[in-house]
Amino acid sequence: MDSTDSRLLPSSCNGKHRVRISVDRGGTFTDCIGVFPVEPTAADPSEERIVVVKLLSEDPAHYPDAPREGIRRILELATGRPHPRDAPLDTSNIESIRMGTTVATNALLERKGEPCALVVTQGFHDLLKIGNQARPRIFDLAIAKPEVLYQRVVQVDERVTLVGYAMDPRPAPRESHDGDNIVVGRSGEHVRVLKTPDWAAVRQQLQQVFESGIRSVAICLMHAYTFAEHEEKIGQIANEIGFTHVTLSSRLSPMIKIVPRAHSATADAYLTPGIRRYVDGFAKEFDAGFSDIRVDFMQSDGGLAPVEHFSGLRAILSGPAAGVVGYSVTSF
């Protein structure tokens, strides 16, 4: 990268989505990199130009959103034309945007997520307060436990149980008889439905939560990783009532063990609404939204997710993961 390089996007490439942009939005600084084709010269035979823009992540006196401002400046450097701050950005030259962000990380650390409720099988209202009894500092006399993320708990009078459970990953064949209320779950395990919820009562409970002002809900029931029907029905009722975000543990993290599944569902319900608001507001800064460009966000696992599939749970370590991936690529 040559800081004296002032070559512009060739006129033949204008309006043809040739500028690739990467953004790392941190708590203090936002770093933006733009890559676009240029005409080679005798002084510089390279056919691509790389530009870097570094901004304060919070500078309301000069711009409302740092990633948007960084992209605006990159487009000006690429095209040589002004892109006014008060006008939607022209997407005709943007090929892709890749972003790592600490929005979810900061919301979790500062406890500034969305007020949410946890819907759980009756009798397990203290599930996440009790946890799994892991005690890494067992002799510490002043352990400070983090507060739970939800504000209210809804206990649903339902229960299913596994039939003929054994520590064998291969479920034994079993014949089902009429009246047994036994079904085969997603995992191949046989599940007996001991208690089906009273759906009218569930609707009343959720309505009370909705009227309290909560608009996000996490649903996590016993054995829902293999038998998800009860969660799906409750999710349908929540959507009908008007909840703006509903997380089903059976869809988000269909894994055995209810404690980590409930932690994941609650974190998603707590963080995703804020992430969606940020993404929606970011999209409005572009003249065509994201309809004609590819926008990916870095996930906690170091992989990229399309903007429409980016969620709060998978965004918690988005920024740090991007740093690790960048370090590994540039160092080895």
C-alpha atoms as a PDB file:
ATOM      1  CA  MET A   1       0.000   0.000   0.000  1.00  0.00           C
ATOM      2  CA  ASP A   2       1.464   3.356  -1.125  1.00  0.00           C
ATOM      3  CA  SER A   3       0.143   6.409   0.717  1.00  0.00           C
ATOM      4  CA  THR A   4       1.081   8.581  -2.293  1.00  0.00           C
ATOM      5  CA  ASP A   5      -1.004   6.499  -4.702  1.00  0.00           C
ATOM      6  CA  SER A   6      -3.886   8.639  -5.963  1.00  0.00           C
ATOM      7  CA  ARG A   7      -5.137   6.466  -8.823  1.00  0.00           C
ATOM      8  CA  LEU A   8      -8.916   6.276  -9.185  1.00  0.00           C
ATOM      9  CA  LEU A   9     -11.336   3.576 -10.178  1.00  0.00           C
ATOM     10  CA  PRO A  10     -11.222   3.414 -13.998  1.00  0.00           C
ATOM     11  CA  SER A  11     -14.212   4.918 -15.771  1.00  0.00           C
ATOM     12  CA  SER A  12     -14.894   1.524 -17.336  1.00  0.00           C
ATOM     13  CA  CYS A  13     -15.513   0.153 -13.806  1.00  0.00           C
ATOM     14  CA  ASN A  14     -17.756   2.938 -12.552  1.00  0.00           C
ATOM     15  CA  GLY A  15     -21.160   1.684 -11.500  1.00  0.00           C
ATOM     16  CA  LYS A  16     -20.107  -1.965 -11.805  1.00  0.00           C
ATOM     17  CA  HIS A  17     -19.674  -2.936  -8.127  1.00  0.00           C
ATOM     18  CA  ARG A  18     -15.876  -3.203  -8.051  1.00  0.00           C
ATOM     19  CA  VAL A  19     -15.001  -1.747  -4.616  1.00  0.00           C
ATOM     20  CA  ARG A  20     -14.514  -4.282  -1.815  1.00  0.00           C
ATOM     21  CA  ILE A  21     -14.739  -2.864   1.714  1.00  0.00           C
ATOM     22  CA  SER A  22     -13.818  -4.364   5.091  1.00  0.00           C
ATOM     23  CA  VAL A  23     -14.671  -2.699   8.404  1.00  0.00           C
ATOM     24  CA  ASP A  24     -13.617  -3.394  11.986  1.00  0.00           C
ATOM     25  CA  ARG A  25     -15.771  -1.393  14.369  1.00  0.00           C
ATOM     26  CA  GLY A  26     -14.180  -1.393  17.805  1.00  0.00           C
ATOM     27  CA  GLY A  27     -15.079   0.377  20.993  1.00  0.00           C
ATOM     28  CA  THR A  28     -12.544   3.183  20.410  1.00  0.00           C
ATOM     29  CA  PHE A  29     -11.535   3.137  16.760  1.00  0.00           C
ATOM     30  CA  THR A  30     -13.117   1.976  13.505  1.00  0.00           C
ATOM     31  CA  ASP A  31     -10.759   0.778  10.776  1.00  0.00           C
ATOM     32  CA  CYS A  32     -11.934   0.594   7.151  1.00  0.00           C
ATOM     33  CA  ILE A  33     -10.053  -0.883   4.204  1.00  0.00           C
ATOM     34  CA  GLY A  34     -11.090  -0.458   0.579  1.00  0.00           C
ATOM     35  CA  VAL A  35      -9.713  -2.432  -2.364  1.00  0.00           C
ATOM     36  CA  PHE A  36     -10.521  -1.546  -5.970  1.00  0.00           C
ATOM     37  CA  PRO A  37      -8.995  -1.968  -9.457  1.00  0.00           C
ATOM     38  CA  VAL A  38      -6.849   0.776 -10.975  1.00  0.00           C
ATOM     39  CA  GLU A  39      -4.906   1.270 -14.185  1.00  0.00           C
ATOM     40  CA  PRO A  40      -1.232   0.235 -13.870  1.00  0.00           C
ATOM     41  CA  THR A  41       1.399   2.882 -14.510  1.00  0.00           C
ATOM     42  CA  ALA A  42       5.129   2.844 -15.145  1.00  0.00           C
ATOM     43  CA  ALA A  43       5.696   4.052 -11.594  1.00  0.00           C
ATOM     44  CA  ASP A  44       3.289   1.522 -10.084  1.00  0.00           C
ATOM     45  CA  PRO A  45       2.439  -1.599 -12.110  1.00  0.00           C
ATOM     46  CA  SER A  46      -0.035  -2.912  -9.537  1.00  0.00           C
ATOM     47  CA  GLU A  47      -3.619  -3.309 -10.725  1.00  0.00           C
ATOM     48  CA  GLU A  48      -5.257  -2.786  -7.345  1.00  0.00           C
ATOM     49  CA  ARG A  49      -5.201   0.076  -4.888  1.00  0.00           C
ATOM     50  CA  ILE A  50      -5.684  -0.349  -1.151  1.00  0.00           C
ATOM     51  CA  VAL A  51      -6.896   2.576   0.937  1.00  0.00           C
ATOM     52  CA  VAL A  52      -7.186   2.698   4.717  1.00  0.00           C
ATOM     53  CA  VAL A  53      -9.438   4.985   6.763  1.00  0.00           C
ATOM     54  CA  LYS A  54      -9.196   5.141  10.568  1.00  0.00           C
ATOM     55  CA  LEU A  55     -11.875   6.918  12.582  1.00  0.00           C
ATOM     56  CA  LEU A  56     -13.077   7.369  16.133  1.00  0.00           C
ATOM     57  CA  SER A  57     -15.972   4.974  16.690  1.00  0.00           C
ATOM     58  CA  GLU A  58     -17.886   7.732  18.475  1.00  0.00           C
ATOM     59  CA  ASP A  59     -17.621  11.260  17.090  1.00  0.00           C
ATOM     60  CA  PRO A  60     -21.177  12.647  16.917  1.00  0.00           C
ATOM     61  CA  ALA A  61     -19.957  16.177  16.181  1.00  0.00           C
ATOM     62  CA  HIS A  62     -18.697  15.018  12.784  1.00  0.00           C
ATOM     63  CA  TYR A  63     -20.653  11.879  11.824  1.00  0.00           C
ATOM     64  CA  PRO A  64     -23.441   9.714  13.285  1.00  0.00           C
ATOM     65  CA  ASP A  65     -21.990   6.301  12.415  1.00  0.00           C
ATOM     66  CA  ALA A  66     -18.292   5.460  11.992  1.00  0.00           C
ATOM     67  CA  PRO A  67     -18.569   2.491   9.560  1.00  0.00           C
ATOM     68  CA  ARG A  68     -20.862   4.491   7.291  1.00  0.00           C
ATOM     69  CA  GLU A  69     -18.454   7.461   7.390  1.00  0.00           C
ATOM     70  CA  GLY A  70     -15.479   5.211   6.624  1.00  0.00           C
ATOM     71  CA  ILE A  71     -17.271   3.716   3.623  1.00  0.00           C
ATOM     72  CA  ARG A  72     -18.210   7.213   2.420  1.00  0.00           C
ATOM     73  CA  ARG A  73     -14.583   8.324   2.516  1.00  0.00           C
ATOM     74  CA  ILE A  74     -13.406   5.184   0.719  1.00  0.00           C
ATOM     75  CA  LEU A  75     -15.913   5.824  -2.084  1.00  0.00           C
ATOM     76  CA  GLU A  76     -14.628   9.391  -2.402  1.00  0.00           C
ATOM     77  CA  LEU A  77     -11.043   8.136  -2.619  1.00  0.00           C
ATOM     78  CA  ALA A  78     -12.018   5.501  -5.181  1.00  0.00           C
ATOM     79  CA  THR A  79     -14.138   7.666  -7.461  1.00  0.00           C
ATOM     80  CA  GLY A  80     -12.710  11.139  -6.912  1.00  0.00           C
ATOM     81  CA  ARG A  81     -16.270  12.419  -6.527  1.00  0.00           C
ATOM     82  CA  PRO A  82     -17.825  13.904  -3.373  1.00  0.00           C
ATOM     83  CA  HIS A  83     -20.320  11.790  -1.460  1.00  0.00           C
ATOM     84  CA  PRO A  84     -22.232  14.153   0.855  1.00  0.00           C
ATOM     85  CA  ARG A  85     -22.633  13.109   4.479  1.00  0.00           C
ATOM     86  CA  ASP A  86     -26.322  13.963   4.475  1.00  0.00           C
ATOM     87  CA  ALA A  87     -27.205  11.835   1.424  1.00  0.00           C
ATOM     88  CA  PRO A  88     -27.592   8.034   1.150  1.00  0.00           C
ATOM     89  CA  LEU A  89     -24.442   6.365  -0.112  1.00  0.00           C
ATOM     90  CA  ASP A  90     -24.303   5.244  -3.736  1.00  0.00           C
ATOM     91  CA  THR A  91     -24.027   1.423  -3.797  1.00  0.00           C
ATOM     92  CA  SER A  92     -23.383   1.113  -7.535  1.00  0.00           C
ATOM     93  CA  ASN A  93     -19.618   0.902  -6.991  1.00  0.00           C
ATOM     94  CA  ILE A  94     -19.668  -1.359  -3.917  1.00  0.00           C
ATOM     95  CA  GLU A  95     -19.078  -5.065  -4.495  1.00  0.00           C
ATOM     96  CA  SER A  96     -19.082  -6.255  -0.883  1.00  0.00           C
ATOM     97  CA  ILE A  97     -18.874  -5.120   2.726  1.00  0.00           C
ATOM     98  CA  ARG A  98     -17.401  -7.315   5.440  1.00  0.00           C
ATOM     99  CA  MET A  99     -17.648  -6.155   9.019  1.00  0.00           C
ATOM    100  CA  GLY A 100     -16.529  -7.199  12.450  1.00  0.00           C
ATOM    101  CA  THR A 101     -18.222  -5.365  15.300  1.00  0.00           C
ATOM    102  CA  THR A 102     -18.214  -5.154  19.085  1.00  0.00           C
ATOM    103  CA  VAL A 103     -21.814  -3.918  19.260  1.00  0.00           C
ATOM    104  CA  ALA A 104     -23.023  -7.168  20.870  1.00  0.00           C
ATOM    105  CA  THR A 105     -19.895  -7.495  23.024  1.00  0.00           C
ATOM    106  CA  ASN A 106     -20.357  -4.034  24.502  1.00  0.00           C
ATOM    107  CA  ALA A 107     -24.094  -4.531  25.018  1.00  0.00           C
ATOM    108  CA  LEU A 108     -23.410  -7.726  26.969  1.00  0.00           C
ATOM    109  CA  LEU A 109     -20.580  -6.288  29.075  1.00  0.00           C
ATOM    110  CA  GLU A 110     -22.460  -3.086  29.849  1.00  0.00           C
ATOM    111  CA  ARG A 111     -25.813  -4.892  30.310  1.00  0.00           C
ATOM    112  CA  LYS A 112     -27.496  -2.700  27.699  1.00  0.00           C
ATOM    113  CA  GLY A 113     -29.330  -5.433  25.819  1.00  0.00           C
ATOM    114  CA  GLU A 114     -33.051  -5.811  25.146  1.00  0.00           C
ATOM    115  CA  PRO A 115     -35.332  -6.526  28.133  1.00  0.00           C
ATOM    116  CA  CYS A 116     -36.444 -10.122  27.632  1.00  0.00           C
ATOM    117  CA  ALA A 117     -38.329 -12.977  29.265  1.00  0.00           C
ATOM    118  CA  LEU A 118     -37.451 -16.658  29.569  1.00  0.00           C
ATOM    119  CA  VAL A 119     -40.109 -19.291  28.914  1.00  0.00           C
ATOM    120  CA  VAL A 120     -39.146 -22.585  30.522  1.00  0.00           C
ATOM    121  CA  THR A 121     -40.667 -25.884  31.656  1.00  0.00           C
ATOM    122  CA  GLN A 122     -42.485 -25.570  34.985  1.00  0.00           C
ATOM    123  CA  GLY A 123     -40.207 -26.198  37.933  1.00  0.00           C
ATOM    124  CA  PHE A 124     -37.081 -24.880  36.196  1.00  0.00           C
ATOM    125  CA  HIS A 125     -37.535 -21.149  36.782  1.00  0.00           C
ATOM    126  CA  ASP A 126     -34.198 -20.959  38.646  1.00  0.00           C
ATOM    127  CA  LEU A 127     -32.368 -23.007  36.028  1.00  0.00           C
ATOM    128  CA  LEU A 128     -29.870 -20.339  34.978  1.00  0.00           C
ATOM    129  CA  LYS A 129     -29.382 -19.018  38.500  1.00  0.00           C
ATOM    130  CA  ILE A 130     -28.394 -22.490  39.692  1.00  0.00           C
ATOM    131  CA  GLY A 131     -26.464 -23.315  36.510  1.00  0.00           C
ATOM    132  CA  ASN A 132     -24.489 -26.537  36.270  1.00  0.00           C
ATOM    133  CA  GLN A 133     -22.631 -26.173  39.574  1.00  0.00           C
ATOM    134  CA  ALA A 134     -19.293 -25.511  37.890  1.00  0.00           C
ATOM    135  CA  ARG A 135     -17.079 -23.811  40.489  1.00  0.00           C
ATOM    136  CA  PRO A 136     -13.721 -22.781  39.029  1.00  0.00           C
ATOM    137  CA  ARG A 137     -12.886 -20.831  42.235  1.00  0.00           C
ATOM    138  CA  ILE A 138     -14.295 -23.260  44.763  1.00  0.00           C
ATOM    139  CA  PHE A 139     -12.493 -21.801  47.792  1.00  0.00           C
ATOM    140  CA  ASP A 140     -13.252 -18.141  47.037  1.00  0.00           C
ATOM    141  CA  LEU A 141     -15.275 -16.675  49.914  1.00  0.00           C
ATOM    142  CA  ALA A 142     -16.638 -13.730  47.915  1.00  0.00           C
ATOM    143  CA  ILE A 143     -17.804 -15.032  44.562  1.00  0.00           C
ATOM    144  CA  ALA A 144     -19.702 -12.467  42.493  1.00  0.00           C
ATOM    145  CA  LYS A 145     -22.132 -14.271  40.212  1.00  0.00           C
ATOM    146  CA  PRO A 146     -23.207 -12.400  37.074  1.00  0.00           C
ATOM    147  CA  GLU A 147     -26.849 -11.434  36.949  1.00  0.00           C
ATOM    148  CA  VAL A 148     -29.148 -13.316  34.594  1.00  0.00           C
ATOM    149  CA  LEU A 149     -30.036 -11.544  31.350  1.00  0.00           C
ATOM    150  CA  TYR A 150     -33.816 -11.974  31.494  1.00  0.00           C
ATOM    151  CA  GLN A 151     -36.239  -9.848  33.504  1.00  0.00           C
ATOM    152  CA  ARG A 152     -39.147 -12.274  33.842  1.00  0.00           C
ATOM    153  CA  VAL A 153     -39.704 -16.024  33.792  1.00  0.00           C
ATOM    154  CA  VAL A 154     -42.759 -17.794  32.404  1.00  0.00           C
ATOM    155  CA  GLN A 155     -43.205 -21.374  33.576  1.00  0.00           C
ATOM    156  CA  VAL A 156     -45.112 -23.599  31.171  1.00  0.00           C
ATOM    157  CA  ASP A 157     -46.898 -26.631  32.608  1.00  0.00           C
ATOM    158  CA  GLU A 158     -45.564 -29.174  30.129  1.00  0.00           C
ATOM    159  CA  ARG A 159     -43.320 -32.203  30.360  1.00  0.00           C
ATOM    160  CA  VAL A 160     -41.779 -34.749  28.059  1.00  0.00           C
ATOM    161  CA  THR A 161     -39.333 -37.477  28.931  1.00  0.00           C
ATOM    162  CA  LEU A 162     -37.041 -39.834  27.078  1.00  0.00           C
ATOM    163  CA  VAL A 163     -38.126 -43.452  26.877  1.00  0.00           C
ATOM    164  CA  GLY A 164     -35.685 -46.256  27.694  1.00  0.00           C
ATOM    165  CA  TYR A 165     -32.802 -43.839  28.083  1.00  0.00           C
ATOM    166  CA  ALA A 166     -29.363 -45.434  28.145  1.00  0.00           C
ATOM    167  CA  MET A 167     -25.833 -44.188  27.683  1.00  0.00           C
ATOM    168  CA  ASP A 168     -25.772 -45.493  24.140  1.00  0.00           C
ATOM    169  CA  PRO A 169     -25.597 -43.147  21.123  1.00  0.00           C
ATOM    170  CA  ARG A 170     -27.525 -45.708  19.074  1.00  0.00           C
ATOM    171  CA  PRO A 171     -31.197 -45.698  20.135  1.00  0.00           C
ATOM    172  CA  ALA A 172     -32.633 -49.179  20.499  1.00  0.00           C
ATOM    173  CA  PRO A 173     -35.587 -50.061  18.242  1.00  0.00           C
ATOM    174  CA  ARG A 174     -38.922 -49.704  19.983  1.00  0.00           C
ATOM    175  CA  GLU A 175     -42.469 -50.278  18.904  1.00  0.00           C
ATOM    176  CA  SER A 176     -44.948 -47.545  19.706  1.00  0.00           C
ATOM    177  CA  HIS A 177     -48.448 -48.464  20.869  1.00  0.00           C
ATOM    178  CA  ASP A 178     -51.553 -46.351  20.520  1.00  0.00           C
ATOM    179  CA  GLY A 179     -52.206 -44.391  23.685  1.00  0.00           C
ATOM    180  CA  ASP A 180     -48.548 -44.384  24.777  1.00  0.00           C
ATOM    181  CA  ASN A 181     -48.067 -40.750  23.663  1.00  0.00           C
ATOM    182  CA  ILE A 182     -44.669 -41.814  22.378  1.00  0.00           C
ATOM    183  CA  VAL A 183     -43.091 -40.159  19.353  1.00  0.00           C
ATOM    184  CA  VAL A 184     -39.698 -40.386  17.697  1.00  0.00           C
ATOM    185  CA  GLY A 185     -37.706 -37.190  18.157  1.00  0.00           C
ATOM    186  CA  ARG A 186     -35.322 -35.521  15.741  1.00  0.00           C
ATOM    187  CA  SER A 187     -32.368 -37.322  17.294  1.00  0.00           C
ATOM    188  CA  GLY A 188     -33.989 -40.733  16.826  1.00  0.00           C
ATOM    189  CA  GLU A 189     -34.734 -41.019  20.543  1.00  0.00           C
ATOM    190  CA  HIS A 190     -38.212 -42.022  21.659  1.00  0.00           C
ATOM    191  CA  VAL A 191     -40.029 -39.324  23.607  1.00  0.00           C
ATOM    192  CA  ARG A 192     -43.098 -39.720  25.797  1.00  0.00           C
ATOM    193  CA  VAL A 193     -45.339 -36.662  26.082  1.00  0.00           C
ATOM    194  CA  LEU A 194     -46.351 -36.657  29.735  1.00  0.00           C
ATOM    195  CA  LYS A 195     -48.067 -33.266  29.758  1.00  0.00           C
ATOM    196  CA  THR A 196     -49.244 -31.088  26.873  1.00  0.00           C
ATOM    197  CA  PRO A 197     -49.487 -27.380  27.733  1.00  0.00           C
ATOM    198  CA  ASP A 198     -52.793 -25.609  28.165  1.00  0.00           C
ATOM    199  CA  TRP A 199     -52.367 -23.288  25.194  1.00  0.00           C
ATOM    200  CA  ALA A 200     -54.963 -20.797  26.430  1.00  0.00           C
ATOM    201  CA  ALA A 201     -53.064 -20.475  29.715  1.00  0.00           C
ATOM    202  CA  VAL A 202     -49.772 -20.040  27.851  1.00  0.00           C
ATOM    203  CA  ARG A 203     -51.310 -17.261  25.754  1.00  0.00           C
ATOM    204  CA  GLN A 204     -52.537 -15.517  28.903  1.00  0.00           C
ATOM    205  CA  GLN A 205     -49.100 -15.754  30.529  1.00  0.00           C
ATOM    206  CA  LEU A 206     -47.346 -14.352  27.464  1.00  0.00           C
ATOM    207  CA  GLN A 207     -49.945 -11.608  27.132  1.00  0.00           C
ATOM    208  CA  GLN A 208     -49.114 -10.465  30.669  1.00  0.00           C
ATOM    209  CA  VAL A 209     -45.419 -10.345  29.768  1.00  0.00           C
ATOM    210  CA  PHE A 210     -46.209  -8.363  26.614  1.00  0.00           C
ATOM    211  CA  GLU A 211     -48.314  -5.858  28.545  1.00  0.00           C
ATOM    212  CA  SER A 212     -45.402  -5.301  30.946  1.00  0.00           C
ATOM    213  CA  GLY A 213     -43.455  -3.814  28.042  1.00  0.00           C
ATOM    214  CA  ILE A 214     -41.171  -6.741  27.177  1.00  0.00           C
ATOM    215  CA  ARG A 215     -40.934  -7.444  23.434  1.00  0.00           C
ATOM    216  CA  SER A 216     -38.277 -10.161  23.266  1.00  0.00           C
ATOM    217  CA  VAL A 217     -38.667 -13.708  24.538  1.00  0.00           C
ATOM    218  CA  ALA A 218     -36.436 -16.800  24.792  1.00  0.00           C
ATOM    219  CA  ILE A 219     -38.140 -20.212  24.835  1.00  0.00           C
ATOM    220  CA  CYS A 220     -36.274 -23.221  26.216  1.00  0.00           C
ATOM    221  CA  LEU A 221     -38.089 -26.402  27.254  1.00  0.00           C
ATOM    222  CA  MET A 222     -36.878 -29.765  28.503  1.00  0.00           C
ATOM    223  CA  HIS A 223     -35.704 -32.117  25.720  1.00  0.00           C
ATOM    224  CA  ALA A 224     -36.650 -29.583  23.026  1.00  0.00           C
ATOM    225  CA  TYR A 225     -33.454 -30.487  21.159  1.00  0.00           C
ATOM    226  CA  THR A 226     -35.253 -33.645  20.013  1.00  0.00           C
ATOM    227  CA  PHE A 227     -38.951 -32.790  20.622  1.00  0.00           C
ATOM    228  CA  ALA A 228     -39.548 -29.213  19.495  1.00  0.00           C
ATOM    229  CA  GLU A 229     -43.330 -29.159  18.979  1.00  0.00           C
ATOM    230  CA  HIS A 230     -44.136 -27.418  22.263  1.00  0.00           C
ATOM    231  CA  GLU A 231     -41.505 -24.720  21.706  1.00  0.00           C
ATOM    232  CA  GLU A 232     -42.719 -24.104  18.176  1.00  0.00           C
ATOM    233  CA  LYS A 233     -46.335 -23.715  19.302  1.00  0.00           C
ATOM    234  CA  ILE A 234     -45.350 -21.291  22.072  1.00  0.00           C
ATOM    235  CA  GLY A 235     -43.255 -19.345  19.559  1.00  0.00           C
ATOM    236  CA  GLN A 236     -46.258 -19.128  17.247  1.00  0.00           C
ATOM    237  CA  ILE A 237     -48.415 -17.763  20.074  1.00  0.00           C
ATOM    238  CA  ALA A 238     -45.728 -15.207  20.986  1.00  0.00           C
ATOM    239  CA  ASN A 239     -45.588 -13.984  17.386  1.00  0.00           C
ATOM    240  CA  GLU A 240     -49.382 -13.707  17.254  1.00  0.00           C
ATOM    241  CA  ILE A 241     -49.370 -11.592  20.425  1.00  0.00           C
ATOM    242  CA  GLY A 242     -46.856  -9.209  18.860  1.00  0.00           C
ATOM    243  CA  PHE A 243     -43.422  -9.977  20.319  1.00  0.00           C
ATOM    244  CA  THR A 244     -40.848  -8.473  17.970  1.00  0.00           C
ATOM    245  CA  HIS A 245     -38.225 -11.143  18.640  1.00  0.00           C
ATOM    246  CA  VAL A 246     -38.750 -14.780  19.567  1.00  0.00           C
ATOM    247  CA  THR A 247     -35.842 -17.195  20.095  1.00  0.00           C
ATOM    248  CA  LEU A 248     -36.473 -20.951  20.099  1.00  0.00           C
ATOM    249  CA  SER A 249     -33.661 -22.965  21.657  1.00  0.00           C
ATOM    250  CA  SER A 250     -34.573 -25.909  19.419  1.00  0.00           C
ATOM    251  CA  ARG A 251     -33.744 -23.827  16.339  1.00  0.00           C
ATOM    252  CA  LEU A 252     -30.900 -21.745  17.673  1.00  0.00           C
ATOM    253  CA  SER A 253     -28.939 -24.482  19.421  1.00  0.00           C
ATOM    254  CA  PRO A 254     -30.556 -27.949  19.099  1.00  0.00           C
ATOM    255  CA  MET A 255     -28.205 -29.658  21.510  1.00  0.00           C
ATOM    256  CA  ILE A 256     -28.552 -31.894  24.540  1.00  0.00           C
ATOM    257  CA  LYS A 257     -28.220 -30.247  28.000  1.00  0.00           C
ATOM    258  CA  ILE A 258     -30.793 -27.614  28.850  1.00  0.00           C
ATOM    259  CA  VAL A 259     -28.492 -25.250  30.780  1.00  0.00           C
ATOM    260  CA  PRO A 260     -26.198 -24.257  27.872  1.00  0.00           C
ATOM    261  CA  ARG A 261     -29.191 -24.288  25.536  1.00  0.00           C
ATOM    262  CA  ALA A 262     -31.055 -21.875  27.812  1.00  0.00           C
ATOM    263  CA  HIS A 263     -27.973 -19.643  28.155  1.00  0.00           C
ATOM    264  CA  SER A 264     -27.703 -19.470  24.364  1.00  0.00           C
ATOM    265  CA  ALA A 265     -31.400 -18.728  23.855  1.00  0.00           C
ATOM    266  CA  THR A 266     -31.421 -16.014  26.519  1.00  0.00           C
ATOM    267  CA  ALA A 267     -28.280 -14.345  25.156  1.00  0.00           C
ATOM    268  CA  ASP A 268     -29.810 -14.331  21.685  1.00  0.00           C
ATOM    269  CA  ALA A 269     -33.080 -12.795  22.881  1.00  0.00           C
ATOM    270  CA  TYR A 270     -31.101 -10.214  24.868  1.00  0.00           C
ATOM    271  CA  LEU A 271     -28.719  -9.174  22.071  1.00  0.00           C
ATOM    272  CA  THR A 272     -30.330  -9.825  18.684  1.00  0.00           C
ATOM    273  CA  PRO A 273     -32.916  -6.989  18.775  1.00  0.00           C
ATOM    274  CA  GLY A 274     -30.120  -4.461  19.273  1.00  0.00           C
ATOM    275  CA  ILE A 275     -28.065  -6.050  16.498  1.00  0.00           C
ATOM    276  CA  ARG A 276     -31.049  -5.952  14.125  1.00  0.00           C
ATOM    277  CA  ARG A 277     -31.708  -2.287  14.918  1.00  0.00           C
ATOM    278  CA  TYR A 278     -28.079  -1.470  14.211  1.00  0.00           C
ATOM    279  CA  VAL A 279     -28.066  -3.432  10.940  1.00  0.00           C
ATOM    280  CA  ASP A 280     -31.387  -1.950   9.801  1.00  0.00           C
ATOM    281  CA  GLY A 281     -30.187   1.572  10.583  1.00  0.00           C
ATOM    282  CA  PHE A 282     -26.910   0.875   8.781  1.00  0.00           C
ATOM    283  CA  ALA A 283     -28.778  -0.359   5.680  1.00  0.00           C
ATOM    284  CA  LYS A 284     -30.843   2.825   5.511  1.00  0.00           C
ATOM    285  CA  GLU A 285     -27.643   4.806   4.928  1.00  0.00           C
ATOM    286  CA  PHE A 286     -27.333   3.278   1.429  1.00  0.00           C
ATOM    287  CA  ASP A 287     -29.464   4.347  -1.516  1.00  0.00           C
ATOM    288  CA  ALA A 288     -30.427   0.772  -2.429  1.00  0.00           C
ATOM    289  CA  GLY A 289     -30.062  -0.740   1.027  1.00  0.00           C
ATOM    290  CA  PHE A 290     -28.273  -4.078   0.767  1.00  0.00           C
ATOM    291  CA  SER A 291     -30.345  -5.327  -2.162  1.00  0.00           C
ATOM    292  CA  ASP A 292     -27.551  -5.269  -4.739  1.00  0.00           C
ATOM    293  CA  ILE A 293     -24.398  -5.749  -2.632  1.00  0.00           C
ATOM    294  CA  ARG A 294     -23.108  -8.553  -0.473  1.00  0.00           C
ATOM    295  CA  VAL A 295     -22.838  -7.706   3.220  1.00  0.00           C
ATOM    296  CA  ASP A 296     -21.298 -10.213   5.645  1.00  0.00           C
ATOM    297  CA  PHE A 297     -20.657  -9.935   9.368  1.00  0.00           C
ATOM    298  CA  MET A 298     -17.929 -11.729  11.273  1.00  0.00           C
ATOM    299  CA  GLN A 299     -19.241 -14.298  13.745  1.00  0.00           C
ATOM    300  CA  SER A 300     -17.724 -15.437  17.021  1.00  0.00           C
ATOM    301  CA  ASP A 301     -16.380 -18.593  15.350  1.00  0.00           C
ATOM    302  CA  GLY A 302     -14.342 -16.576  12.836  1.00  0.00           C
ATOM    303  CA  GLY A 303     -16.686 -17.294   9.933  1.00  0.00           C
ATOM    304  CA  LEU A 304     -18.768 -14.814   7.954  1.00  0.00           C
ATOM    305  CA  ALA A 305     -22.566 -14.745   8.018  1.00  0.00           C
ATOM    306  CA  PRO A 306     -24.859 -12.972   5.541  1.00  0.00           C
ATOM    307  CA  VAL A 307     -26.393  -9.887   7.105  1.00  0.00           C
ATOM    308  CA  GLU A 308     -29.872 -11.442   7.189  1.00  0.00           C
ATOM    309  CA  HIS A 309     -28.583 -14.381   9.282  1.00  0.00           C
ATOM    310  CA  PHE A 310     -26.454 -12.369  11.718  1.00  0.00           C
ATOM    311  CA  SER A 311     -27.697 -12.813  15.296  1.00  0.00           C
ATOM    312  CA  GLY A 312     -26.790 -11.569  18.749  1.00  0.00           C
ATOM    313  CA  LEU A 313     -25.577 -14.918  20.069  1.00  0.00           C
ATOM    314  CA  ARG A 314     -23.101 -15.370  17.241  1.00  0.00           C
ATOM    315  CA  ALA A 315     -21.963 -11.745  17.415  1.00  0.00           C
ATOM    316  CA  ILE A 316     -20.627 -11.721  20.985  1.00  0.00           C
ATOM    317  CA  LEU A 317     -16.998 -12.246  19.909  1.00  0.00           C
ATOM    318  CA  SER A 318     -17.325 -10.839  16.386  1.00  0.00           C
ATOM    319  CA  GLY A 319     -14.696  -8.116  16.848  1.00  0.00           C
ATOM    320  CA  PRO A 320     -12.104 -10.251  18.686  1.00  0.00           C
ATOM    321  CA  ALA A 321     -12.598 -13.119  16.212  1.00  0.00           C
ATOM    322  CA  ALA A 322     -11.933 -10.768  13.304  1.00  0.00           C
ATOM    323  CA  GLY A 323      -8.688  -9.704  14.972  1.00  0.00           C
ATOM    324  CA  VAL A 324      -7.544 -13.311  15.421  1.00  0.00           C
ATOM    325  CA  VAL A 325      -8.367 -14.191  11.815  1.00  0.00           C
ATOM    326  CA  GLY A 326      -6.558 -11.100  10.523  1.00  0.00           C
ATOM    327  CA  TYR A 327      -3.526 -11.794  12.686  1.00  0.00           C
ATOM    328  CA  SER A 328      -3.295 -15.418  11.518  1.00  0.00           C
ATOM    329  CA  VAL A 329      -3.598 -14.456   7.835  1.00  0.00           C
ATOM    330  CA  THR A 330      -0.994 -11.680   7.972  1.00  0.00           C
ATOM    331  CA  SER A 331       1.513 -13.442  10.230  1.00  0.00           C
ATOM    332  CA  PHE A 332       1.789 -16.894   8.674  1.00  0.00           C
END
